[in-house]
Amino acid sequence: MNEVSDVLLTVEHALSRARRASKRLGDSPEEHNAKLALADTVKSLESARARLQKDTYFGGNELRLV
């Protein structure tokens, strides 16, 4: 479970960096594209974090086949 904890910590760090980067970007077309990509990245990381937490810490005794 130490490895899972390390992965969750890394995901949390990536989420905070992506959010911070999105706030710091300006209004140029290139930065607008980067904001869109970062928003998508944040959604994906949040989903990955939630699934990892649920499946490892709150999974119970059932076996997940997906």
PDB file of N, CA and C in Angstrom:
ATOM      1  N   MET A   1       0.814  -1.196   0.000  1.00  0.00           N
ATOM      2  CA  MET A   1       0.000   0.000   0.000  1.00  0.00           C
ATOM      3  C   MET A   1       0.861   1.265   0.000  1.00  0.00           C
ATOM      4  N   ASN A   2       2.131   1.123   0.342  1.00  0.00           N
ATOM      5  CA  ASN A   2       3.016   2.292   0.286  1.00  0.00           C
ATOM      6  C   ASN A   2       3.149   2.818  -1.136  1.00  0.00           C
ATOM      7  N   GLU A   3       3.189   1.897  -2.087  1.00  0.00           N
ATOM      8  CA  GLU A   3       3.296   2.306  -3.494  1.00  0.00           C
ATOM      9  C   GLU A   3       2.046   3.067  -3.936  1.00  0.00           C
ATOM     10  N   VAL A   4       0.882   2.593  -3.518  1.00  0.00           N
ATOM     11  CA  VAL A   4      -0.372   3.266  -3.858  1.00  0.00           C
ATOM     12  C   VAL A   4      -0.374   4.664  -3.260  1.00  0.00           C
ATOM     13  N   SER A   5       0.069   4.776  -2.030  1.00  0.00           N
ATOM     14  CA  SER A   5       0.151   6.077  -1.374  1.00  0.00           C
ATOM     15  C   SER A   5       1.075   7.019  -2.132  1.00  0.00           C
ATOM     16  N   ASP A   6       2.200   6.510  -2.593  1.00  0.00           N
ATOM     17  CA  ASP A   6       3.131   7.330  -3.375  1.00  0.00           C
ATOM     18  C   ASP A   6       2.507   7.780  -4.692  1.00  0.00           C
ATOM     19  N   VAL A   7       1.779   6.885  -5.340  1.00  0.00           N
ATOM     20  CA  VAL A   7       1.108   7.247  -6.597  1.00  0.00           C
ATOM     21  C   VAL A   7       0.059   8.324  -6.344  1.00  0.00           C
ATOM     22  N   LEU A   8      -0.738   8.167  -5.289  1.00  0.00           N
ATOM     23  CA  LEU A   8      -1.744   9.175  -4.964  1.00  0.00           C
ATOM     24  C   LEU A   8      -1.106  10.526  -4.672  1.00  0.00           C
ATOM     25  N   LEU A   9       0.004  10.524  -3.975  1.00  0.00           N
ATOM     26  CA  LEU A   9       0.715  11.766  -3.692  1.00  0.00           C
ATOM     27  C   LEU A   9       1.197  12.428  -4.985  1.00  0.00           C
ATOM     28  N   THR A  10       1.692  11.634  -5.897  1.00  0.00           N
ATOM     29  CA  THR A  10       2.154  12.158  -7.182  1.00  0.00           C
ATOM     30  C   THR A  10       0.988  12.727  -7.989  1.00  0.00           C
ATOM     31  N   VAL A  11      -0.143  12.046  -7.981  1.00  0.00           N
ATOM     32  CA  VAL A  11      -1.326  12.530  -8.687  1.00  0.00           C
ATOM     33  C   VAL A  11      -1.800  13.848  -8.068  1.00  0.00           C
ATOM     34  N   GLU A  12      -1.816  13.921  -6.745  1.00  0.00           N
ATOM     35  CA  GLU A  12      -2.213  15.161  -6.069  1.00  0.00           C
ATOM     36  C   GLU A  12      -1.282  16.311  -6.449  1.00  0.00           C
ATOM     37  N   HIS A  13      -0.005  16.019  -6.509  1.00  0.00           N
ATOM     38  CA  HIS A  13       0.967  17.047  -6.894  1.00  0.00           C
ATOM     39  C   HIS A  13       0.730  17.495  -8.336  1.00  0.00           C
ATOM     40  N   ALA A  14       0.493  16.551  -9.213  1.00  0.00           N
ATOM     41  CA  ALA A  14       0.225  16.890 -10.613  1.00  0.00           C
ATOM     42  C   ALA A  14      -1.052  17.721 -10.741  1.00  0.00           C
ATOM     43  N   LEU A  15      -2.073  17.386  -9.961  1.00  0.00           N
ATOM     44  CA  LEU A  15      -3.312  18.165  -9.986  1.00  0.00           C
ATOM     45  C   LEU A  15      -3.071  19.607  -9.550  1.00  0.00           C
ATOM     46  N   SER A  16      -2.350  19.778  -8.480  1.00  0.00           N
ATOM     47  CA  SER A  16      -2.104  21.143  -8.004  1.00  0.00           C
ATOM     48  C   SER A  16      -1.260  21.935  -8.996  1.00  0.00           C
ATOM     49  N   ARG A  17      -0.286  21.292  -9.627  1.00  0.00           N
ATOM     50  CA  ARG A  17       0.529  21.978 -10.633  1.00  0.00           C
ATOM     51  C   ARG A  17      -0.291  22.354 -11.849  1.00  0.00           C
ATOM     52  N   ALA A  18      -1.162  21.457 -12.300  1.00  0.00           N
ATOM     53  CA  ALA A  18      -2.002  21.739 -13.470  1.00  0.00           C
ATOM     54  C   ALA A  18      -2.964  22.887 -13.184  1.00  0.00           C
ATOM     55  N   ARG A  19      -3.559  22.902 -12.010  1.00  0.00           N
ATOM     56  CA  ARG A  19      -4.464  23.999 -11.638  1.00  0.00           C
ATOM     57  C   ARG A  19      -3.721  25.328 -11.559  1.00  0.00           C
ATOM     58  N   ARG A  20      -2.552  25.311 -10.950  1.00  0.00           N
ATOM     59  CA  ARG A  20      -1.745  26.528 -10.824  1.00  0.00           C
ATOM     60  C   ARG A  20      -1.305  27.032 -12.193  1.00  0.00           C
ATOM     61  N   ALA A  21      -0.890  26.136 -13.058  1.00  0.00           N
ATOM     62  CA  ALA A  21      -0.452  26.526 -14.403  1.00  0.00           C
ATOM     63  C   ALA A  21      -1.599  27.137 -15.187  1.00  0.00           C
ATOM     64  N   SER A  22      -2.788  26.556 -15.045  1.00  0.00           N
ATOM     65  CA  SER A  22      -3.949  27.072 -15.760  1.00  0.00           C
ATOM     66  C   SER A  22      -4.275  28.503 -15.331  1.00  0.00           C
ATOM     67  N   LYS A  23      -4.123  28.796 -14.063  1.00  0.00           N
ATOM     68  CA  LYS A  23      -4.402  30.146 -13.550  1.00  0.00           C
ATOM     69  C   LYS A  23      -3.374  31.162 -14.032  1.00  0.00           C
ATOM     70  N   ARG A  24      -2.151  30.723 -14.254  1.00  0.00           N
ATOM     71  CA  ARG A  24      -1.080  31.634 -14.632  1.00  0.00           C
ATOM     72  C   ARG A  24      -1.019  31.935 -16.121  1.00  0.00           C
ATOM     73  N   LEU A  25      -1.723  31.162 -16.926  1.00  0.00           N
ATOM     74  CA  LEU A  25      -1.667  31.367 -18.369  1.00  0.00           C
ATOM     75  C   LEU A  25      -2.416  32.630 -18.776  1.00  0.00           C
ATOM     76  N   GLY A  26      -1.973  33.226 -19.865  1.00  0.00           N
ATOM     77  CA  GLY A  26      -2.582  34.445 -20.374  1.00  0.00           C
ATOM     78  C   GLY A  26      -3.696  34.178 -21.364  1.00  0.00           C
ATOM     79  N   ASP A  27      -3.906  35.162 -22.258  1.00  0.00           N
ATOM     80  CA  ASP A  27      -5.026  35.095 -23.192  1.00  0.00           C
ATOM     81  C   ASP A  27      -4.635  34.869 -24.651  1.00  0.00           C
ATOM     82  N   SER A  28      -3.381  34.581 -24.925  1.00  0.00           N
ATOM     83  CA  SER A  28      -2.979  34.363 -26.308  1.00  0.00           C
ATOM     84  C   SER A  28      -3.589  33.049 -26.814  1.00  0.00           C
ATOM     85  N   PRO A  29      -3.672  32.883 -28.134  1.00  0.00           N
ATOM     86  CA  PRO A  29      -4.251  31.635 -28.678  1.00  0.00           C
ATOM     87  C   PRO A  29      -3.519  30.381 -28.211  1.00  0.00           C
ATOM     88  N   GLU A  30      -2.198  30.455 -28.137  1.00  0.00           N
ATOM     89  CA  GLU A  30      -1.436  29.285 -27.701  1.00  0.00           C
ATOM     90  C   GLU A  30      -1.747  28.958 -26.240  1.00  0.00           C
ATOM     91  N   GLU A  31      -1.840  30.007 -25.422  1.00  0.00           N
ATOM     92  CA  GLU A  31      -2.115  29.774 -24.015  1.00  0.00           C
ATOM     93  C   GLU A  31      -3.566  29.319 -23.805  1.00  0.00           C
ATOM     94  N   HIS A  32      -4.454  29.763 -24.666  1.00  0.00           N
ATOM     95  CA  HIS A  32      -5.836  29.290 -24.593  1.00  0.00           C
ATOM     96  C   HIS A  32      -5.890  27.782 -24.849  1.00  0.00           C
ATOM     97  N   ASN A  33      -5.151  27.330 -25.844  1.00  0.00           N
ATOM     98  CA  ASN A  33      -5.090  25.887 -26.129  1.00  0.00           C
ATOM     99  C   ASN A  33      -4.500  25.125 -24.948  1.00  0.00           C
ATOM    100  N   ALA A  34      -3.486  25.706 -24.332  1.00  0.00           N
ATOM    101  CA  ALA A  34      -2.877  25.066 -23.164  1.00  0.00           C
ATOM    102  C   ALA A  34      -3.874  24.998 -22.008  1.00  0.00           C
ATOM    103  N   LYS A  35      -4.678  26.045 -21.824  1.00  0.00           N
ATOM    104  CA  LYS A  35      -5.700  26.028 -20.771  1.00  0.00           C
ATOM    105  C   LYS A  35      -6.708  24.913 -21.005  1.00  0.00           C
ATOM    106  N   LEU A  36      -7.121  24.745 -22.259  1.00  0.00           N
ATOM    107  CA  LEU A  36      -8.061  23.671 -22.578  1.00  0.00           C
ATOM    108  C   LEU A  36      -7.453  22.297 -22.288  1.00  0.00           C
ATOM    109  N   ALA A  37      -6.198  22.139 -22.667  1.00  0.00           N
ATOM    110  CA  ALA A  37      -5.513  20.866 -22.415  1.00  0.00           C
ATOM    111  C   ALA A  37      -5.354  20.623 -20.919  1.00  0.00           C
ATOM    112  N   LEU A  38      -5.034  21.671 -20.173  1.00  0.00           N
ATOM    113  CA  LEU A  38      -4.882  21.521 -18.725  1.00  0.00           C
ATOM    114  C   LEU A  38      -6.217  21.198 -18.056  1.00  0.00           C
ATOM    115  N   ALA A  39      -7.290  21.794 -18.530  1.00  0.00           N
ATOM    116  CA  ALA A  39      -8.611  21.494 -17.965  1.00  0.00           C
ATOM    117  C   ALA A  39      -8.957  20.022 -18.184  1.00  0.00           C
ATOM    118  N   ASP A  40      -8.655  19.513 -19.367  1.00  0.00           N
ATOM    119  CA  ASP A  40      -8.893  18.098 -19.655  1.00  0.00           C
ATOM    120  C   ASP A  40      -8.003  17.213 -18.786  1.00  0.00           C
ATOM    121  N   THR A  41      -6.776  17.638 -18.591  1.00  0.00           N
ATOM    122  CA  THR A  41      -5.840  16.894 -17.757  1.00  0.00           C
ATOM    123  C   THR A  41      -6.319  16.837 -16.313  1.00  0.00           C
ATOM    124  N   VAL A  42      -6.816  17.955 -15.803  1.00  0.00           N
ATOM    125  CA  VAL A  42      -7.326  17.992 -14.436  1.00  0.00           C
ATOM    126  C   VAL A  42      -8.486  17.010 -14.279  1.00  0.00           C
ATOM    127  N   LYS A  43      -9.397  16.993 -15.232  1.00  0.00           N
ATOM    128  CA  LYS A  43     -10.521  16.056 -15.174  1.00  0.00           C
ATOM    129  C   LYS A  43     -10.029  14.607 -15.150  1.00  0.00           C
ATOM    130  N   SER A  44      -9.072  14.307 -16.009  1.00  0.00           N
ATOM    131  CA  SER A  44      -8.538  12.944 -16.079  1.00  0.00           C
ATOM    132  C   SER A  44      -7.828  12.547 -14.792  1.00  0.00           C
ATOM    133  N   LEU A  45      -7.039  13.463 -14.249  1.00  0.00           N
ATOM    134  CA  LEU A  45      -6.324  13.169 -13.007  1.00  0.00           C
ATOM    135  C   LEU A  45      -7.281  13.001 -11.836  1.00  0.00           C
ATOM    136  N   GLU A  46      -8.319  13.819 -11.782  1.00  0.00           N
ATOM    137  CA  GLU A  46      -9.311  13.676 -10.715  1.00  0.00           C
ATOM    138  C   GLU A  46     -10.014  12.331 -10.806  1.00  0.00           C
ATOM    139  N   SER A  47     -10.321  11.918 -12.016  1.00  0.00           N
ATOM    140  CA  SER A  47     -10.958  10.619 -12.223  1.00  0.00           C
ATOM    141  C   SER A  47     -10.028   9.482 -11.807  1.00  0.00           C
ATOM    142  N   ALA A  48      -8.775   9.574 -12.194  1.00  0.00           N
ATOM    143  CA  ALA A  48      -7.802   8.538 -11.837  1.00  0.00           C
ATOM    144  C   ALA A  48      -7.601   8.479 -10.325  1.00  0.00           C
ATOM    145  N   ARG A  49      -7.526   9.642  -9.687  1.00  0.00           N
ATOM    146  CA  ARG A  49      -7.351   9.690  -8.235  1.00  0.00           C
ATOM    147  C   ARG A  49      -8.545   9.056  -7.537  1.00  0.00           C
ATOM    148  N   ALA A  50      -9.748   9.410  -7.968  1.00  0.00           N
ATOM    149  CA  ALA A  50     -10.955   8.874  -7.337  1.00  0.00           C
ATOM    150  C   ALA A  50     -11.029   7.359  -7.493  1.00  0.00           C
ATOM    151  N   ARG A  51     -10.742   6.874  -8.683  1.00  0.00           N
ATOM    152  CA  ARG A  51     -10.807   5.426  -8.908  1.00  0.00           C
ATOM    153  C   ARG A  51      -9.763   4.692  -8.080  1.00  0.00           C
ATOM    154  N   LEU A  52      -8.554   5.224  -8.032  1.00  0.00           N
ATOM    155  CA  LEU A  52      -7.500   4.580  -7.256  1.00  0.00           C
ATOM    156  C   LEU A  52      -7.854   4.556  -5.772  1.00  0.00           C
ATOM    157  N   GLN A  53      -8.370   5.655  -5.254  1.00  0.00           N
ATOM    158  CA  GLN A  53      -8.758   5.685  -3.846  1.00  0.00           C
ATOM    159  C   GLN A  53      -9.884   4.707  -3.557  1.00  0.00           C
ATOM    160  N   LYS A  54     -10.903   4.725  -4.397  1.00  0.00           N
ATOM    161  CA  LYS A  54     -12.049   3.839  -4.165  1.00  0.00           C
ATOM    162  C   LYS A  54     -11.665   2.373  -4.263  1.00  0.00           C
ATOM    163  N   ASP A  55     -10.874   2.040  -5.272  1.00  0.00           N
ATOM    164  CA  ASP A  55     -10.533   0.637  -5.495  1.00  0.00           C
ATOM    165  C   ASP A  55      -9.533   0.100  -4.478  1.00  0.00           C
ATOM    166  N   THR A  56      -8.700   0.946  -3.921  1.00  0.00           N
ATOM    167  CA  THR A  56      -7.690   0.444  -2.989  1.00  0.00           C
ATOM    168  C   THR A  56      -8.097   0.614  -1.534  1.00  0.00           C
ATOM    169  N   TYR A  57      -8.577   1.771  -1.158  1.00  0.00           N
ATOM    170  CA  TYR A  57      -8.872   2.026   0.239  1.00  0.00           C
ATOM    171  C   TYR A  57     -10.308   1.697   0.620  1.00  0.00           C
ATOM    172  N   PHE A  58     -11.234   1.829  -0.324  1.00  0.00           N
ATOM    173  CA  PHE A  58     -12.638   1.631  -0.011  1.00  0.00           C
ATOM    174  C   PHE A  58     -13.259   0.519  -0.858  1.00  0.00           C
ATOM    175  N   GLY A  59     -12.439  -0.363  -1.371  1.00  0.00           N
ATOM    176  CA  GLY A  59     -12.912  -1.380  -2.303  1.00  0.00           C
ATOM    177  C   GLY A  59     -13.717  -2.484  -1.677  1.00  0.00           C
ATOM    178  N   GLY A  60     -13.513  -2.742  -0.412  1.00  0.00           N
ATOM    179  CA  GLY A  60     -14.229  -3.843   0.215  1.00  0.00           C
ATOM    180  C   GLY A  60     -13.678  -5.179  -0.258  1.00  0.00           C
ATOM    181  N   ASN A  61     -14.509  -6.197  -0.175  1.00  0.00           N
ATOM    182  CA  ASN A  61     -14.074  -7.552  -0.529  1.00  0.00           C
ATOM    183  C   ASN A  61     -14.426  -7.959  -1.946  1.00  0.00           C
ATOM    184  N   GLU A  62     -15.159  -7.088  -2.681  1.00  0.00           N
ATOM    185  CA  GLU A  62     -15.539  -7.507  -4.004  1.00  0.00           C
ATOM    186  C   GLU A  62     -14.373  -7.380  -4.993  1.00  0.00           C
ATOM    187  N   LEU A  63     -14.417  -8.220  -5.987  1.00  0.00           N
ATOM    188  CA  LEU A  63     -13.390  -8.239  -7.018  1.00  0.00           C
ATOM    189  C   LEU A  63     -13.863  -7.432  -8.205  1.00  0.00           C
ATOM    190  N   ARG A  64     -13.077  -6.479  -8.614  1.00  0.00           N
ATOM    191  CA  ARG A  64     -13.451  -5.642  -9.764  1.00  0.00           C
ATOM    192  C   ARG A  64     -12.833  -6.233 -11.021  1.00  0.00           C
ATOM    193  N   LEU A  65     -13.630  -6.419 -12.056  1.00  0.00           N
ATOM    194  CA  LEU A  65     -13.157  -7.103 -13.249  1.00  0.00           C
ATOM    195  C   LEU A  65     -12.887  -6.160 -14.419  1.00  0.00           C
ATOM    196  N   VAL A  66     -12.933  -4.860 -14.208  1.00  0.00           N
ATOM    197  CA  VAL A  66     -12.731  -3.936 -15.321  1.00  0.00           C
ATOM    198  C   VAL A  66     -11.335  -3.387 -15.275  1.00  0.00           C
TER     199      VAL A  66
END
